[in-house]
Each structure stands twice: as structure tokens, then as C-alpha cells.
Amino acid sequence: MNKRYSAQKMMIEDALMKLDHPTATEIYEYIREFYPNISLGTVYRNLGLMAESGEVLRITLGDAPDRFDINTHDHIHVMCRKCGEVFDAEIDNLKELLTEMDQYLEGYTGVHIENRSMYFKGVCSSCREQS
């Protein structure tokens, strides 16, 4: 079982490196091209385990399907509300800004911040050009 999980996990990691913020279905379709016997349930189960262990980020964007990111360091996600594309935004002093925000929120609410999920929504340049 462990070898099988490792092979499936490696296939999912490969898909995550080649696809940009894919959904579980997109990962499944990518892997199926090379490994037709994989099931969608297997992809979902392994992605869930990988997200729980911190190996990947699960990006929950409201009503849209969850997306996954192999990039687990602190960064901001920006989503186009028209096409659904998700972009990474790297900010030089993000770690300091998040620490400051965590401290403020803990002081304001009394809750020690352990995890955060934040994204921004707008319309990407491609969709704006089409309008």
C-alpha cells in the first residue's frame, strides 16, 4: 500500500508542478493521460492527505472548486472572477505583514492565529481586454 501511495503521490506532485493551481479534476485528467487506471477518488483522497500534512495548499475560493498549489510558502492568491484563473502574488515583506496582522488579530479577538486563508478577487488583464 505504501509503495502505491508513493507512486500516486509522485504523479500528483508532478501534475502540480506542471499545472497552474489545478482542481482535483484537472490533476486527475492530466495523470490519466499517462496512467489510465487511476481513479478520481484516489486523486481526491491523496490530495486531501497531502493538504492535511502541509505538502500542498488547498485553495478554497467560495463556490468554485478547490484548487491546489505545490508552493506552500506564504504568498497571496489572486483570482479572476471571470475566467477563474488563480495567480500567485509574491510580496517582499509579506512575512512581516502577516506577523503584524496575526498579532493585531490575536490582540483584538484573543484567538492565537495558527493558519490563514486569504485571497483577492478581480478581473485579469486578458478578461478586461476581451470586454
Protein backbone atom coordinates (compact mmCIF):
# COMPACT_ATOMS: atom_id res chain seq x y z
CA MET A 1 0.00 0.00 0.00
CA ASN A 2 2.77 2.43 0.88
CA LYS A 3 4.53 1.95 -2.50
CA ARG A 4 1.24 2.50 -4.30
CA TYR A 5 0.56 5.69 -2.34
CA SER A 6 4.09 6.90 -3.04
CA ALA A 7 3.66 6.37 -6.80
CA GLN A 8 0.29 8.12 -6.77
CA LYS A 9 1.67 10.94 -4.65
CA MET A 10 4.58 11.38 -7.07
CA MET A 11 2.16 11.56 -10.00
CA ILE A 12 0.10 14.21 -8.20
CA GLU A 13 3.23 16.21 -7.34
CA ASP A 14 4.30 16.03 -10.98
CA ALA A 15 0.90 17.29 -12.11
CA LEU A 16 1.02 20.12 -9.56
CA MET A 17 4.44 21.20 -10.88
CA LYS A 18 3.20 21.26 -14.47
CA LEU A 19 -0.30 22.71 -13.97
CA ASP A 20 -1.04 26.14 -12.51
CA HIS A 21 -3.32 25.97 -9.44
CA PRO A 22 -5.29 22.98 -10.79
CA THR A 23 -8.51 21.49 -9.47
CA ALA A 24 -8.58 17.82 -8.43
CA THR A 25 -10.37 17.03 -11.69
CA GLU A 26 -7.67 18.75 -13.75
CA ILE A 27 -4.99 16.80 -11.89
CA TYR A 28 -6.93 13.57 -12.47
CA GLU A 29 -7.30 14.28 -16.21
CA TYR A 30 -3.58 15.09 -16.50
CA ILE A 31 -2.49 11.90 -14.71
CA ARG A 32 -4.96 9.75 -16.64
CA GLU A 33 -3.16 10.54 -19.89
CA PHE A 34 -0.15 8.60 -18.54
CA TYR A 35 -1.79 6.28 -16.03
CA PRO A 36 -5.33 5.45 -17.23
CA ASN A 37 -6.15 3.20 -14.26
CA ILE A 38 -6.06 5.96 -11.64
CA SER A 39 -9.43 6.91 -10.18
CA LEU A 40 -10.74 10.37 -9.34
CA GLY A 41 -11.35 9.13 -5.79
CA THR A 42 -7.68 8.21 -5.44
CA VAL A 43 -6.66 11.70 -6.55
CA TYR A 44 -9.10 13.35 -4.11
CA ARG A 45 -8.01 11.12 -1.22
CA ASN A 46 -4.30 11.73 -1.80
CA LEU A 47 -4.77 15.47 -2.29
CA GLY A 48 -6.68 15.58 0.99
CA LEU A 49 -3.88 13.77 2.80
CA MET A 50 -1.25 15.98 1.20
CA ALA A 51 -3.18 19.14 2.16
CA GLU A 52 -3.64 17.92 5.75
CA SER A 53 0.09 17.22 6.09
CA GLY A 54 1.04 20.62 4.61
CA GLU A 55 2.69 19.20 1.49
CA VAL A 56 0.30 21.19 -0.73
CA LEU A 57 -2.02 24.14 -0.23
CA ARG A 58 -5.76 23.69 -0.69
CA ILE A 59 -7.15 26.96 -2.03
CA THR A 60 -10.85 27.32 -1.30
CA LEU A 61 -12.39 30.08 -3.40
CA GLY A 62 -16.05 30.36 -2.47
CA ASP A 63 -18.36 28.46 -4.82
CA ALA A 64 -15.57 27.48 -7.23
CA PRO A 65 -13.91 24.05 -6.94
CA ASP A 66 -10.91 23.89 -4.61
CA ARG A 67 -7.57 24.40 -6.29
CA PHE A 68 -4.22 23.05 -5.17
CA ASP A 69 -0.78 24.62 -5.03
CA ILE A 70 2.59 22.89 -4.62
CA ASN A 71 4.01 26.25 -3.46
CA THR A 72 3.46 26.11 0.32
CA HIS A 73 5.41 29.19 1.43
CA ASP A 74 3.49 32.34 2.36
CA HIS A 75 2.15 34.11 -0.69
CA ILE A 76 -1.09 35.73 -1.83
CA HIS A 77 -3.56 34.26 -4.31
CA VAL A 78 -5.48 36.48 -6.69
CA MET A 79 -8.41 35.04 -8.66
CA CYS A 80 -10.05 36.36 -11.81
CA ARG A 81 -13.81 36.28 -11.21
CA LYS A 82 -14.49 35.92 -14.95
CA CYS A 83 -12.19 33.11 -16.11
CA GLY A 84 -11.41 31.60 -12.71
CA GLU A 85 -7.63 31.69 -13.18
CA VAL A 86 -5.59 31.92 -9.97
CA PHE A 87 -2.37 33.91 -9.83
CA ASP A 88 0.41 33.97 -7.23
CA ALA A 89 1.46 37.36 -5.86
CA GLU A 90 4.88 37.41 -4.23
CA ILE A 91 5.36 40.31 -1.82
CA ASP A 92 8.82 41.05 -0.42
CA ASN A 93 7.78 41.84 3.16
CA LEU A 94 4.75 39.51 3.31
CA LYS A 95 6.06 37.54 6.29
CA GLU A 96 6.37 40.73 8.36
CA LEU A 97 2.93 41.96 7.25
CA LEU A 98 1.30 38.64 8.16
CA THR A 99 3.05 38.53 11.54
CA GLU A 100 1.81 42.04 12.25
CA MET A 101 -1.72 41.09 11.19
CA ASP A 102 -1.63 37.90 13.29
CA GLN A 103 -0.56 39.90 16.36
CA TYR A 104 -3.26 42.50 15.76
CA LEU A 105 -5.98 39.86 15.35
CA GLU A 106 -4.82 37.95 18.42
CA GLY A 107 -4.91 41.16 20.48
CA TYR A 108 -8.31 42.12 19.08
CA THR A 109 -10.01 38.70 19.35
CA GLY A 110 -7.89 36.76 21.83
CA VAL A 111 -7.51 33.97 19.25
CA HIS A 112 -3.98 32.75 18.53
CA ILE A 113 -3.70 32.59 14.72
CA GLU A 114 -2.42 29.21 13.52
CA ASN A 115 -3.44 29.27 9.88
CA ARG A 116 -4.76 31.79 7.40
CA SER A 117 -6.62 31.66 4.14
CA MET A 118 -6.86 34.86 2.18
CA TYR A 119 -7.37 35.62 -1.48
CA PHE A 120 -8.23 38.60 -3.62
CA LYS A 121 -10.70 38.66 -6.49
CA GLY A 122 -10.82 40.86 -9.56
CA VAL A 123 -10.70 40.72 -13.35
CA CYS A 124 -7.43 39.72 -15.06
CA SER A 125 -5.92 41.70 -17.92
CA SER A 126 -6.92 39.07 -20.53
CA CYS A 127 -10.57 39.21 -19.50
CA ARG A 128 -10.50 43.02 -19.36
CA GLU A 129 -9.11 43.11 -22.93
CA GLN A 130 -11.96 40.86 -24.12
CA SER A 131 -14.61 43.17 -22.64
